[in-house]
Amino acid sequence: MKWLEKYADYAYALLRIVTGFIFLFHGAQKILGVLSQFQPPAWSQLWFGGIIELVGGLMVLLGFKPARQLSFAAERWPSLIFSITGSSKPELSSSRQ
């Protein structure tokens, strides 16, 4: 398979660009309503997921190296928060009362 090594960089770039575009489009669909009638309410778990997909997809598409690690960690924290609180909507604490 030595003859395929010269295409490794091109294949990696193509996969990175396609994967980034898929995440970017899914985030845009959730947050901006692109090709969709449904938009999740702000601060819901779907909304957070859309933000993460939008920003993470852009980072992967543009080739930021830590994008994979950041996306992996960022996709997990909303599930953890919402499973601990048992709520579908986070409560925002405010010092003003």
C-alpha atoms as a PDB file:
ATOM      1  CA  MET A   1       0.000   0.000   0.000  1.00  0.00           C
ATOM      2  CA  LYS A   2       2.978   2.314  -0.414  1.00  0.00           C
ATOM      3  CA  TRP A   3       1.448   3.779  -3.570  1.00  0.00           C
ATOM      4  CA  LEU A   4      -1.472   5.187  -1.543  1.00  0.00           C
ATOM      5  CA  GLU A   5       0.770   7.120   0.842  1.00  0.00           C
ATOM      6  CA  LYS A   6       1.039  10.047  -1.546  1.00  0.00           C
ATOM      7  CA  TYR A   7      -2.739  10.571  -1.236  1.00  0.00           C
ATOM      8  CA  ALA A   8      -2.833  10.418   2.582  1.00  0.00           C
ATOM      9  CA  ASP A   9      -2.780  14.191   3.110  1.00  0.00           C
ATOM     10  CA  TYR A  10      -5.488  14.762   0.508  1.00  0.00           C
ATOM     11  CA  ALA A  11      -7.687  12.012   1.957  1.00  0.00           C
ATOM     12  CA  TYR A  12      -7.270  13.406   5.479  1.00  0.00           C
ATOM     13  CA  ALA A  13      -8.167  16.919   4.308  1.00  0.00           C
ATOM     14  CA  LEU A  14     -11.213  15.671   2.416  1.00  0.00           C
ATOM     15  CA  LEU A  15     -12.501  13.675   5.389  1.00  0.00           C
ATOM     16  CA  ARG A  16     -11.886  16.597   7.742  1.00  0.00           C
ATOM     17  CA  ILE A  17     -13.720  19.034   5.474  1.00  0.00           C
ATOM     18  CA  VAL A  18     -16.699  16.727   4.903  1.00  0.00           C
ATOM     19  CA  THR A  19     -16.991  15.857   8.605  1.00  0.00           C
ATOM     20  CA  GLY A  20     -16.739  19.524   9.606  1.00  0.00           C
ATOM     21  CA  PHE A  21     -19.390  20.488   7.054  1.00  0.00           C
ATOM     22  CA  ILE A  22     -21.772  17.786   8.320  1.00  0.00           C
ATOM     23  CA  PHE A  23     -21.454  18.995  11.926  1.00  0.00           C
ATOM     24  CA  LEU A  24     -21.694  22.630  10.833  1.00  0.00           C
ATOM     25  CA  PHE A  25     -24.849  21.949   8.834  1.00  0.00           C
ATOM     26  CA  HIS A  26     -26.492  20.021  11.680  1.00  0.00           C
ATOM     27  CA  GLY A  27     -25.742  22.890  14.062  1.00  0.00           C
ATOM     28  CA  ALA A  28     -27.071  25.455  11.586  1.00  0.00           C
ATOM     29  CA  GLN A  29     -30.191  23.358  11.130  1.00  0.00           C
ATOM     30  CA  LYS A  30     -30.852  23.323  14.878  1.00  0.00           C
ATOM     31  CA  ILE A  31     -29.892  26.896  15.737  1.00  0.00           C
ATOM     32  CA  LEU A  32     -30.654  28.878  12.579  1.00  0.00           C
ATOM     33  CA  GLY A  33     -33.496  26.723  11.219  1.00  0.00           C
ATOM     34  CA  VAL A  34     -31.760  25.979   7.900  1.00  0.00           C
ATOM     35  CA  LEU A  35     -34.008  23.603   5.881  1.00  0.00           C
ATOM     36  CA  SER A  36     -36.079  22.937   8.995  1.00  0.00           C
ATOM     37  CA  GLN A  37     -39.302  24.193  10.524  1.00  0.00           C
ATOM     38  CA  PHE A  38     -38.227  23.206  14.049  1.00  0.00           C
ATOM     39  CA  GLN A  39     -36.006  25.286  16.284  1.00  0.00           C
ATOM     40  CA  PRO A  40     -35.403  24.123  19.848  1.00  0.00           C
ATOM     41  CA  PRO A  41     -36.071  26.568  22.667  1.00  0.00           C
ATOM     42  CA  ALA A  42     -33.062  28.499  23.891  1.00  0.00           C
ATOM     43  CA  TRP A  43     -31.092  26.943  26.742  1.00  0.00           C
ATOM     44  CA  SER A  44     -32.508  23.463  26.099  1.00  0.00           C
ATOM     45  CA  GLN A  45     -30.307  20.432  25.660  1.00  0.00           C
ATOM     46  CA  LEU A  46     -30.939  20.417  21.896  1.00  0.00           C
ATOM     47  CA  TRP A  47     -30.020  24.092  21.710  1.00  0.00           C
ATOM     48  CA  PHE A  48     -26.710  23.475  23.496  1.00  0.00           C
ATOM     49  CA  GLY A  49     -26.025  20.551  21.168  1.00  0.00           C
ATOM     50  CA  GLY A  50     -26.689  22.783  18.167  1.00  0.00           C
ATOM     51  CA  ILE A  51     -24.273  25.431  19.409  1.00  0.00           C
ATOM     52  CA  ILE A  52     -21.614  22.791  19.995  1.00  0.00           C
ATOM     53  CA  GLU A  53     -22.167  21.291  16.543  1.00  0.00           C
ATOM     54  CA  LEU A  54     -22.075  24.696  14.887  1.00  0.00           C
ATOM     55  CA  VAL A  55     -18.863  25.873  16.540  1.00  0.00           C
ATOM     56  CA  GLY A  56     -17.186  22.442  16.604  1.00  0.00           C
ATOM     57  CA  GLY A  57     -18.032  21.803  12.958  1.00  0.00           C
ATOM     58  CA  LEU A  58     -16.530  25.142  11.978  1.00  0.00           C
ATOM     59  CA  MET A  59     -13.383  24.340  13.959  1.00  0.00           C
ATOM     60  CA  VAL A  60     -13.028  20.911  12.328  1.00  0.00           C
ATOM     61  CA  LEU A  61     -13.756  22.361   8.893  1.00  0.00           C
ATOM     62  CA  LEU A  62     -11.073  25.026   9.302  1.00  0.00           C
ATOM     63  CA  GLY A  63      -8.578  22.514  10.685  1.00  0.00           C
ATOM     64  CA  PHE A  64      -8.084  23.551  14.308  1.00  0.00           C
ATOM     65  CA  LYS A  65      -6.047  20.745  15.864  1.00  0.00           C
ATOM     66  CA  PRO A  66      -7.699  20.644  19.322  1.00  0.00           C
ATOM     67  CA  ALA A  67     -11.184  20.645  17.764  1.00  0.00           C
ATOM     68  CA  ARG A  68     -11.611  16.891  18.174  1.00  0.00           C
ATOM     69  CA  GLN A  69     -10.821  16.932  21.885  1.00  0.00           C
ATOM     70  CA  LEU A  70     -12.902  20.054  22.528  1.00  0.00           C
ATOM     71  CA  SER A  71     -15.871  18.703  20.579  1.00  0.00           C
ATOM     72  CA  PHE A  72     -15.741  15.378  22.393  1.00  0.00           C
ATOM     73  CA  ALA A  73     -15.688  17.050  25.809  1.00  0.00           C
ATOM     74  CA  ALA A  74     -18.274  19.668  24.878  1.00  0.00           C
ATOM     75  CA  GLU A  75     -20.761  17.108  23.544  1.00  0.00           C
ATOM     76  CA  ARG A  76     -20.698  15.294  26.897  1.00  0.00           C
ATOM     77  CA  TRP A  77     -21.188  18.076  29.449  1.00  0.00           C
ATOM     78  CA  PRO A  78     -24.831  19.002  28.661  1.00  0.00           C
ATOM     79  CA  SER A  79     -25.874  15.383  29.147  1.00  0.00           C
ATOM     80  CA  LEU A  80     -24.069  15.277  32.464  1.00  0.00           C
ATOM     81  CA  ILE A  81     -25.606  18.531  33.696  1.00  0.00           C
ATOM     82  CA  PHE A  82     -29.133  17.648  32.627  1.00  0.00           C
ATOM     83  CA  SER A  83     -28.915  14.118  34.035  1.00  0.00           C
ATOM     84  CA  ILE A  84     -27.724  15.429  37.411  1.00  0.00           C
ATOM     85  CA  THR A  85     -30.367  18.158  37.687  1.00  0.00           C
ATOM     86  CA  GLY A  86     -33.123  16.013  36.199  1.00  0.00           C
ATOM     87  CA  SER A  87     -34.325  19.007  34.243  1.00  0.00           C
ATOM     88  CA  SER A  88     -34.661  19.596  30.533  1.00  0.00           C
ATOM     89  CA  LYS A  89     -33.933  23.276  31.054  1.00  0.00           C
ATOM     90  CA  PRO A  90     -31.042  24.550  33.195  1.00  0.00           C
ATOM     91  CA  GLU A  91     -31.798  27.007  35.928  1.00  0.00           C
ATOM     92  CA  LEU A  92     -29.734  30.135  35.649  1.00  0.00           C
ATOM     93  CA  SER A  93     -28.687  31.468  39.014  1.00  0.00           C
ATOM     94  CA  SER A  94     -28.762  35.193  39.504  1.00  0.00           C
ATOM     95  CA  SER A  95     -27.442  37.267  42.360  1.00  0.00           C
ATOM     96  CA  ARG A  96     -30.218  39.822  41.798  1.00  0.00           C
ATOM     97  CA  GLN A  97     -33.473  39.096  43.550  1.00  0.00           C
END
